[in-house]
Amino acid sequence: MNKGDLIKKIASDAKITKGQASSALESVTNTIGGSLKKGERVTLIGFGTFSVVKRAARKGRNPQTGKPLNISARKVAKFKAGAALQKKVK
């Protein structure tokens, strides 16, 4: 499923237009992204938790040349599925 498919499904289930569904989805993703940028966690009960974790600097290798390189430290988004979502996937 891609973003367009998700918008169609939301519009169908909620009986709203695709434009309204698109706006709602954009609002959700922008809000989650904004909260993560501030370093906040976003928990959706039954779905999961979005958070930010810090990755330490490390050494890596260029897969094409095999030369070592330094990978700098950075923050990355993390998602942990909730129990209800995990049950649906099983």
PDB file of N, CA and C in Angstrom:
ATOM      1  N   MET A   1       0.852  -1.172   0.000  1.00  0.00           N
ATOM      2  CA  MET A   1       0.000   0.000   0.000  1.00  0.00           C
ATOM      3  C   MET A   1       0.895   1.232   0.000  1.00  0.00           C
ATOM      4  N   ASN A   2       0.589   2.186  -0.848  1.00  0.00           N
ATOM      5  CA  ASN A   2       1.335   3.435  -0.869  1.00  0.00           C
ATOM      6  C   ASN A   2       0.440   4.566  -0.348  1.00  0.00           C
ATOM      7  N   LYS A   3       0.956   5.781  -0.378  1.00  0.00           N
ATOM      8  CA  LYS A   3       0.236   6.923   0.188  1.00  0.00           C
ATOM      9  C   LYS A   3      -1.107   7.146  -0.518  1.00  0.00           C
ATOM     10  N   GLY A   4      -1.126   7.027  -1.838  1.00  0.00           N
ATOM     11  CA  GLY A   4      -2.366   7.211  -2.591  1.00  0.00           C
ATOM     12  C   GLY A   4      -3.415   6.184  -2.220  1.00  0.00           C
ATOM     13  N   ASP A   5      -2.985   4.931  -2.071  1.00  0.00           N
ATOM     14  CA  ASP A   5      -3.908   3.867  -1.668  1.00  0.00           C
ATOM     15  C   ASP A   5      -4.458   4.132  -0.269  1.00  0.00           C
ATOM     16  N   LEU A   6      -3.597   4.597   0.622  1.00  0.00           N
ATOM     17  CA  LEU A   6      -4.013   4.892   1.992  1.00  0.00           C
ATOM     18  C   LEU A   6      -5.043   6.027   2.005  1.00  0.00           C
ATOM     19  N   ILE A   7      -4.819   7.047   1.200  1.00  0.00           N
ATOM     20  CA  ILE A   7      -5.766   8.173   1.122  1.00  0.00           C
ATOM     21  C   ILE A   7      -7.122   7.688   0.616  1.00  0.00           C
ATOM     22  N   LYS A   8      -7.120   6.848  -0.405  1.00  0.00           N
ATOM     23  CA  LYS A   8      -8.381   6.297  -0.928  1.00  0.00           C
ATOM     24  C   LYS A   8      -9.117   5.506   0.149  1.00  0.00           C
ATOM     25  N   LYS A   9      -8.387   4.689   0.908  1.00  0.00           N
ATOM     26  CA  LYS A   9      -8.987   3.864   1.962  1.00  0.00           C
ATOM     27  C   LYS A   9      -9.555   4.734   3.083  1.00  0.00           C
ATOM     28  N   ILE A  10      -8.816   5.759   3.496  1.00  0.00           N
ATOM     29  CA  ILE A  10      -9.295   6.669   4.542  1.00  0.00           C
ATOM     30  C   ILE A  10     -10.559   7.370   4.067  1.00  0.00           C
ATOM     31  N   ALA A  11     -10.552   7.872   2.834  1.00  0.00           N
ATOM     32  CA  ALA A  11     -11.713   8.571   2.281  1.00  0.00           C
ATOM     33  C   ALA A  11     -12.931   7.652   2.238  1.00  0.00           C
ATOM     34  N   SER A  12     -12.717   6.421   1.828  1.00  0.00           N
ATOM     35  CA  SER A  12     -13.809   5.449   1.744  1.00  0.00           C
ATOM     36  C   SER A  12     -14.367   5.113   3.125  1.00  0.00           C
ATOM     37  N   ASP A  13     -13.494   4.810   4.071  1.00  0.00           N
ATOM     38  CA  ASP A  13     -13.931   4.420   5.417  1.00  0.00           C
ATOM     39  C   ASP A  13     -14.605   5.559   6.165  1.00  0.00           C
ATOM     40  N   ALA A  14     -14.082   6.769   6.015  1.00  0.00           N
ATOM     41  CA  ALA A  14     -14.610   7.917   6.755  1.00  0.00           C
ATOM     42  C   ALA A  14     -15.718   8.644   5.990  1.00  0.00           C
ATOM     43  N   LYS A  15     -15.983   8.197   4.749  1.00  0.00           N
ATOM     44  CA  LYS A  15     -17.002   8.826   3.893  1.00  0.00           C
ATOM     45  C   LYS A  15     -16.724  10.322   3.723  1.00  0.00           C
ATOM     46  N   ILE A  16     -15.473  10.631   3.376  1.00  0.00           N
ATOM     47  CA  ILE A  16     -15.053  12.001   3.090  1.00  0.00           C
ATOM     48  C   ILE A  16     -14.380  12.007   1.721  1.00  0.00           C
ATOM     49  N   THR A  17     -14.092  13.194   1.213  1.00  0.00           N
ATOM     50  CA  THR A  17     -13.445  13.289  -0.093  1.00  0.00           C
ATOM     51  C   THR A  17     -11.976  12.911   0.016  1.00  0.00           C
ATOM     52  N   LYS A  18     -11.382  12.591  -1.125  1.00  0.00           N
ATOM     53  CA  LYS A  18      -9.956  12.263  -1.140  1.00  0.00           C
ATOM     54  C   LYS A  18      -9.123  13.470  -0.711  1.00  0.00           C
ATOM     55  N   GLY A  19      -9.556  14.665  -1.051  1.00  0.00           N
ATOM     56  CA  GLY A  19      -8.850  15.882  -0.645  1.00  0.00           C
ATOM     57  C   GLY A  19      -8.830  16.053   0.860  1.00  0.00           C
ATOM     58  N   GLN A  20      -9.972  15.796   1.473  1.00  0.00           N
ATOM     59  CA  GLN A  20     -10.061  15.887   2.932  1.00  0.00           C
ATOM     60  C   GLN A  20      -9.203  14.807   3.586  1.00  0.00           C
ATOM     61  N   ALA A  21      -9.237  13.604   3.035  1.00  0.00           N
ATOM     62  CA  ALA A  21      -8.427  12.508   3.572  1.00  0.00           C
ATOM     63  C   ALA A  21      -6.951  12.824   3.427  1.00  0.00           C
ATOM     64  N   SER A  22      -6.563  13.409   2.294  1.00  0.00           N
ATOM     65  CA  SER A  22      -5.170  13.789   2.070  1.00  0.00           C
ATOM     66  C   SER A  22      -4.725  14.840   3.079  1.00  0.00           C
ATOM     67  N   SER A  23      -5.581  15.835   3.319  1.00  0.00           N
ATOM     68  CA  SER A  23      -5.268  16.876   4.309  1.00  0.00           C
ATOM     69  C   SER A  23      -5.118  16.291   5.702  1.00  0.00           C
ATOM     70  N   ALA A  24      -5.997  15.357   6.051  1.00  0.00           N
ATOM     71  CA  ALA A  24      -5.926  14.726   7.370  1.00  0.00           C
ATOM     72  C   ALA A  24      -4.639  13.933   7.523  1.00  0.00           C
ATOM     73  N   LEU A  25      -4.277  13.175   6.495  1.00  0.00           N
ATOM     74  CA  LEU A  25      -3.053  12.382   6.553  1.00  0.00           C
ATOM     75  C   LEU A  25      -1.823  13.286   6.632  1.00  0.00           C
ATOM     76  N   GLU A  26      -1.803  14.365   5.855  1.00  0.00           N
ATOM     77  CA  GLU A  26      -0.695  15.323   5.908  1.00  0.00           C
ATOM     78  C   GLU A  26      -0.573  15.933   7.297  1.00  0.00           C
ATOM     79  N   SER A  27      -1.709  16.258   7.907  1.00  0.00           N
ATOM     80  CA  SER A  27      -1.708  16.830   9.249  1.00  0.00           C
ATOM     81  C   SER A  27      -1.104  15.851  10.254  1.00  0.00           C
ATOM     82  N   VAL A  28      -1.499  14.588  10.168  1.00  0.00           N
ATOM     83  CA  VAL A  28      -0.982  13.573  11.092  1.00  0.00           C
ATOM     84  C   VAL A  28       0.528  13.419  10.918  1.00  0.00           C
ATOM     85  N   THR A  29       0.988  13.263   9.676  1.00  0.00           N
ATOM     86  CA  THR A  29       2.421  13.047   9.453  1.00  0.00           C
ATOM     87  C   THR A  29       3.231  14.286   9.822  1.00  0.00           C
ATOM     88  N   ASN A  30       2.710  15.481   9.551  1.00  0.00           N
ATOM     89  CA  ASN A  30       3.427  16.706   9.921  1.00  0.00           C
ATOM     90  C   ASN A  30       3.498  16.877  11.433  1.00  0.00           C
ATOM     91  N   THR A  31       2.425  16.529  12.124  1.00  0.00           N
ATOM     92  CA  THR A  31       2.402  16.641  13.580  1.00  0.00           C
ATOM     93  C   THR A  31       3.380  15.657  14.221  1.00  0.00           C
ATOM     94  N   ILE A  32       3.385  14.423  13.735  1.00  0.00           N
ATOM     95  CA  ILE A  32       4.326  13.429  14.257  1.00  0.00           C
ATOM     96  C   ILE A  32       5.754  13.862  13.972  1.00  0.00           C
ATOM     97  N   GLY A  33       6.024  14.309  12.759  1.00  0.00           N
ATOM     98  CA  GLY A  33       7.369  14.769  12.401  1.00  0.00           C
ATOM     99  C   GLY A  33       7.812  15.963  13.228  1.00  0.00           C
ATOM    100  N   GLY A  34       6.910  16.908  13.465  1.00  0.00           N
ATOM    101  CA  GLY A  34       7.235  18.078  14.280  1.00  0.00           C
ATOM    102  C   GLY A  34       7.552  17.704  15.713  1.00  0.00           C
ATOM    103  N   SER A  35       6.784  16.777  16.260  1.00  0.00           N
ATOM    104  CA  SER A  35       7.037  16.328  17.634  1.00  0.00           C
ATOM    105  C   SER A  35       8.376  15.609  17.734  1.00  0.00           C
ATOM    106  N   LEU A  36       8.685  14.768  16.754  1.00  0.00           N
ATOM    107  CA  LEU A  36       9.970  14.067  16.763  1.00  0.00           C
ATOM    108  C   LEU A  36      11.126  15.045  16.637  1.00  0.00           C
ATOM    109  N   LYS A  37      10.943  16.088  15.833  1.00  0.00           N
ATOM    110  CA  LYS A  37      11.999  17.087  15.666  1.00  0.00           C
ATOM    111  C   LYS A  37      12.314  17.785  16.991  1.00  0.00           C
ATOM    112  N   LYS A  38      11.280  17.957  17.833  1.00  0.00           N
ATOM    113  CA  LYS A  38      11.463  18.570  19.154  1.00  0.00           C
ATOM    114  C   LYS A  38      12.037  17.578  20.160  1.00  0.00           C
ATOM    115  N   GLY A  39      12.165  16.309  19.760  1.00  0.00           N
ATOM    116  CA  GLY A  39      12.674  15.292  20.669  1.00  0.00           C
ATOM    117  C   GLY A  39      11.599  14.619  21.499  1.00  0.00           C
ATOM    118  N   GLU A  40      10.337  14.879  21.174  1.00  0.00           N
ATOM    119  CA  GLU A  40       9.232  14.292  21.925  1.00  0.00           C
ATOM    120  C   GLU A  40       8.882  12.908  21.377  1.00  0.00           C
ATOM    121  N   ARG A  41       8.281  12.091  22.227  1.00  0.00           N
ATOM    122  CA  ARG A  41       7.770  10.780  21.799  1.00  0.00           C
ATOM    123  C   ARG A  41       6.305  10.943  21.419  1.00  0.00           C
ATOM    124  N   VAL A  42       5.852  10.155  20.454  1.00  0.00           N
ATOM    125  CA  VAL A  42       4.442  10.148  20.058  1.00  0.00           C
ATOM    126  C   VAL A  42       3.929   8.724  20.235  1.00  0.00           C
ATOM    127  N   THR A  43       2.956   8.558  21.126  1.00  0.00           N
ATOM    128  CA  THR A  43       2.403   7.243  21.408  1.00  0.00           C
ATOM    129  C   THR A  43       0.954   7.192  20.956  1.00  0.00           C
ATOM    130  N   LEU A  44       0.653   6.232  20.108  1.00  0.00           N
ATOM    131  CA  LEU A  44      -0.713   5.989  19.657  1.00  0.00           C
ATOM    132  C   LEU A  44      -1.113   4.630  20.234  1.00  0.00           C
ATOM    133  N   ILE A  45      -1.928   4.651  21.276  1.00  0.00           N
ATOM    134  CA  ILE A  45      -2.309   3.428  21.978  1.00  0.00           C
ATOM    135  C   ILE A  45      -2.897   2.428  20.980  1.00  0.00           C
ATOM    136  N   GLY A  46      -2.396   1.210  21.025  1.00  0.00           N
ATOM    137  CA  GLY A  46      -2.867   0.163  20.140  1.00  0.00           C
ATOM    138  C   GLY A  46      -2.134   0.117  18.807  1.00  0.00           C
ATOM    139  N   PHE A  47      -1.432   1.187  18.458  1.00  0.00           N
ATOM    140  CA  PHE A  47      -0.701   1.222  17.190  1.00  0.00           C
ATOM    141  C   PHE A  47       0.795   1.133  17.416  1.00  0.00           C
ATOM    142  N   GLY A  48       1.340   2.085  18.189  1.00  0.00           N
ATOM    143  CA  GLY A  48       2.766   2.036  18.467  1.00  0.00           C
ATOM    144  C   GLY A  48       3.304   3.375  18.938  1.00  0.00           C
ATOM    145  N   THR A  49       4.632   3.432  19.075  1.00  0.00           N
ATOM    146  CA  THR A  49       5.309   4.617  19.586  1.00  0.00           C
ATOM    147  C   THR A  49       6.411   5.042  18.630  1.00  0.00           C
ATOM    148  N   PHE A  50       6.394   6.320  18.283  1.00  0.00           N
ATOM    149  CA  PHE A  50       7.458   6.921  17.492  1.00  0.00           C
ATOM    150  C   PHE A  50       8.380   7.654  18.456  1.00  0.00           C
ATOM    151  N   SER A  51       9.683   7.527  18.270  1.00  0.00           N
ATOM    152  CA  SER A  51      10.641   8.234  19.123  1.00  0.00           C
ATOM    153  C   SER A  51      11.897   8.545  18.319  1.00  0.00           C
ATOM    154  N   VAL A  52      12.779   9.311  18.939  1.00  0.00           N
ATOM    155  CA  VAL A  52      14.057   9.663  18.312  1.00  0.00           C
ATOM    156  C   VAL A  52      15.167   9.042  19.153  1.00  0.00           C
ATOM    157  N   VAL A  53      16.108   8.383  18.493  1.00  0.00           N
ATOM    158  CA  VAL A  53      17.263   7.827  19.186  1.00  0.00           C
ATOM    159  C   VAL A  53      18.527   8.398  18.571  1.00  0.00           C
ATOM    160  N   LYS A  54      19.564   8.493  19.391  1.00  0.00           N
ATOM    161  CA  LYS A  54      20.853   8.999  18.914  1.00  0.00           C
ATOM    162  C   LYS A  54      21.740   7.830  18.535  1.00  0.00           C
ATOM    163  N   ARG A  55      22.280   7.887  17.330  1.00  0.00           N
ATOM    164  CA  ARG A  55      23.248   6.876  16.896  1.00  0.00           C
ATOM    165  C   ARG A  55      24.633   7.450  17.071  1.00  0.00           C
ATOM    166  N   ALA A  56      25.492   6.685  17.661  1.00  0.00           N
ATOM    167  CA  ALA A  56      26.871   7.117  17.871  1.00  0.00           C
ATOM    168  C   ALA A  56      27.638   7.096  16.550  1.00  0.00           C
ATOM    169  N   ALA A  57      28.710   7.866  16.502  1.00  0.00           N
ATOM    170  CA  ALA A  57      29.592   7.834  15.334  1.00  0.00           C
ATOM    171  C   ALA A  57      30.237   6.448  15.265  1.00  0.00           C
ATOM    172  N   ARG A  58      30.473   5.996  14.040  1.00  0.00           N
ATOM    173  CA  ARG A  58      31.067   4.670  13.884  1.00  0.00           C
ATOM    174  C   ARG A  58      31.855   4.605  12.584  1.00  0.00           C
ATOM    175  N   LYS A  59      32.614   3.541  12.455  1.00  0.00           N
ATOM    176  CA  LYS A  59      33.382   3.331  11.231  1.00  0.00           C
ATOM    177  C   LYS A  59      32.590   2.406  10.320  1.00  0.00           C
ATOM    178  N   GLY A  60      32.670   2.665   9.024  1.00  0.00           N
ATOM    179  CA  GLY A  60      31.986   1.831   8.045  1.00  0.00           C
ATOM    180  C   GLY A  60      32.900   1.585   6.859  1.00  0.00           C
ATOM    181  N   ARG A  61      32.371   0.944   5.846  1.00  0.00           N
ATOM    182  CA  ARG A  61      33.126   0.675   4.626  1.00  0.00           C
ATOM    183  C   ARG A  61      32.275   1.041   3.423  1.00  0.00           C
ATOM    184  N   ASN A  62      32.918   1.629   2.423  1.00  0.00           N
ATOM    185  CA  ASN A  62      32.257   1.890   1.163  1.00  0.00           C
ATOM    186  C   ASN A  62      32.083   0.539   0.469  1.00  0.00           C
ATOM    187  N   PRO A  63      30.853   0.108   0.186  1.00  0.00           N
ATOM    188  CA  PRO A  63      30.649  -1.216  -0.386  1.00  0.00           C
ATOM    189  C   PRO A  63      31.235  -1.375  -1.797  1.00  0.00           C
ATOM    190  N   GLN A  64      31.395  -0.281  -2.518  1.00  0.00           N
ATOM    191  CA  GLN A  64      31.937  -0.383  -3.877  1.00  0.00           C
ATOM    192  C   GLN A  64      33.455  -0.504  -3.887  1.00  0.00           C
ATOM    193  N   THR A  65      34.100   0.267  -3.019  1.00  0.00           N
ATOM    194  CA  THR A  65      35.568   0.283  -3.046  1.00  0.00           C
ATOM    195  C   THR A  65      36.198  -0.483  -1.889  1.00  0.00           C
ATOM    196  N   GLY A  66      35.439  -0.698  -0.818  1.00  0.00           N
ATOM    197  CA  GLY A  66      35.981  -1.378   0.349  1.00  0.00           C
ATOM    198  C   GLY A  66      36.795  -0.466   1.255  1.00  0.00           C
ATOM    199  N   LYS A  67      36.901   0.820   0.894  1.00  0.00           N
ATOM    200  CA  LYS A  67      37.674   1.763   1.709  1.00  0.00           C
ATOM    201  C   LYS A  67      36.914   2.096   2.991  1.00  0.00           C
ATOM    202  N   PRO A  68      37.642   2.203   4.108  1.00  0.00           N
ATOM    203  CA  PRO A  68      36.981   2.584   5.365  1.00  0.00           C
ATOM    204  C   PRO A  68      36.547   4.050   5.318  1.00  0.00           C
ATOM    205  N   LEU A  69      35.465   4.346   6.028  1.00  0.00           N
ATOM    206  CA  LEU A  69      35.011   5.729   6.128  1.00  0.00           C
ATOM    207  C   LEU A  69      34.386   5.938   7.490  1.00  0.00           C
ATOM    208  N   ASN A  70      34.301   7.186   7.894  1.00  0.00           N
ATOM    209  CA  ASN A  70      33.706   7.543   9.186  1.00  0.00           C
ATOM    210  C   ASN A  70      32.257   7.936   8.964  1.00  0.00           C
ATOM    211  N   ILE A  71      31.373   7.353   9.751  1.00  0.00           N
ATOM    212  CA  ILE A  71      29.960   7.702   9.713  1.00  0.00           C
ATOM    213  C   ILE A  71      29.693   8.545  10.950  1.00  0.00           C
ATOM    214  N   SER A  72      29.205   9.764  10.733  1.00  0.00           N
ATOM    215  CA  SER A  72      29.026  10.692  11.856  1.00  0.00           C
ATOM    216  C   SER A  72      27.811  10.317  12.709  1.00  0.00           C
ATOM    217  N   ALA A  73      27.812  10.820  13.934  1.00  0.00           N
ATOM    218  CA  ALA A  73      26.695  10.604  14.855  1.00  0.00           C
ATOM    219  C   ALA A  73      25.484  11.361  14.325  1.00  0.00           C
ATOM    220  N   ARG A  74      24.293  10.820  14.606  1.00  0.00           N
ATOM    221  CA  ARG A  74      23.082  11.495  14.153  1.00  0.00           C
ATOM    222  C   ARG A  74      21.866  10.965  14.904  1.00  0.00           C
ATOM    223  N   LYS A  75      20.763  11.663  14.748  1.00  0.00           N
ATOM    224  CA  LYS A  75      19.502  11.248  15.338  1.00  0.00           C
ATOM    225  C   LYS A  75      18.670  10.560  14.258  1.00  0.00           C
ATOM    226  N   VAL A  76      17.979   9.493  14.641  1.00  0.00           N
ATOM    227  CA  VAL A  76      17.124   8.777  13.698  1.00  0.00           C
ATOM    228  C   VAL A  76      15.759   8.506  14.329  1.00  0.00           C
ATOM    229  N   ALA A  77      14.736   8.430  13.492  1.00  0.00           N
ATOM    230  CA  ALA A  77      13.392   8.116  13.962  1.00  0.00           C
ATOM    231  C   ALA A  77      13.292   6.608  14.186  1.00  0.00           C
ATOM    232  N   LYS A  78      12.543   6.240  15.212  1.00  0.00           N
ATOM    233  CA  LYS A  78      12.364   4.833  15.567  1.00  0.00           C
ATOM    234  C   LYS A  78      10.872   4.591  15.789  1.00  0.00           C
ATOM    235  N   PHE A  79      10.403   3.413  15.388  1.00  0.00           N
ATOM    236  CA  PHE A  79       9.004   3.039  15.618  1.00  0.00           C
ATOM    237  C   PHE A  79       8.966   1.694  16.312  1.00  0.00           C
ATOM    238  N   LYS A  80       8.194   1.615  17.388  1.00  0.00           N
ATOM    239  CA  LYS A  80       7.991   0.339  18.080  1.00  0.00           C
ATOM    240  C   LYS A  80       6.500   0.032  18.029  1.00  0.00           C
ATOM    241  N   ALA A  81       6.158  -1.070  17.400  1.00  0.00           N
ATOM    242  CA  ALA A  81       4.755  -1.459  17.244  1.00  0.00           C
ATOM    243  C   ALA A  81       4.132  -1.791  18.588  1.00  0.00           C
ATOM    244  N   GLY A  82       2.869  -1.396  18.766  1.00  0.00           N
ATOM    245  CA  GLY A  82       2.127  -1.703  19.974  1.00  0.00           C
ATOM    246  C   GLY A  82       1.601  -3.135  19.934  1.00  0.00           C
ATOM    247  N   ALA A  83       1.110  -3.601  21.065  1.00  0.00           N
ATOM    248  CA  ALA A  83       0.636  -4.984  21.188  1.00  0.00           C
ATOM    249  C   ALA A  83      -0.512  -5.284  20.229  1.00  0.00           C
ATOM    250  N   ALA A  84      -1.464  -4.363  20.098  1.00  0.00           N
ATOM    251  CA  ALA A  84      -2.609  -4.599  19.224  1.00  0.00           C
ATOM    252  C   ALA A  84      -2.170  -4.726  17.769  1.00  0.00           C
ATOM    253  N   LEU A  85      -1.223  -3.900  17.346  1.00  0.00           N
ATOM    254  CA  LEU A  85      -0.712  -3.981  15.968  1.00  0.00           C
ATOM    255  C   LEU A  85       0.041  -5.284  15.749  1.00  0.00           C
ATOM    256  N   GLN A  86       0.815  -5.695  16.720  1.00  0.00           N
ATOM    257  CA  GLN A  86       1.550  -6.946  16.603  1.00  0.00           C
ATOM    258  C   GLN A  86       0.604  -8.146  16.480  1.00  0.00           C
ATOM    259  N   LYS A  87      -0.522  -8.103  17.204  1.00  0.00           N
ATOM    260  CA  LYS A  87      -1.498  -9.189  17.120  1.00  0.00           C
ATOM    261  C   LYS A  87      -2.116  -9.247  15.729  1.00  0.00           C
ATOM    262  N   LYS A  88      -2.364  -8.092  15.115  1.00  0.00           N
ATOM    263  CA  LYS A  88      -2.957  -8.053  13.780  1.00  0.00           C
ATOM    264  C   LYS A  88      -2.018  -8.613  12.723  1.00  0.00           C
ATOM    265  N   VAL A  89      -0.736  -8.450  12.942  1.00  0.00           N
ATOM    266  CA  VAL A  89       0.263  -8.902  11.961  1.00  0.00           C
ATOM    267  C   VAL A  89       0.486 -10.405  12.031  1.00  0.00           C
ATOM    268  N   LYS A  90       0.321 -10.994  13.198  1.00  0.00           N
ATOM    269  CA  LYS A  90       0.581 -12.436  13.375  1.00  0.00           C
ATOM    270  C   LYS A  90      -0.373 -13.281  12.576  1.00  0.00           C
TER     271      LYS A  90
END
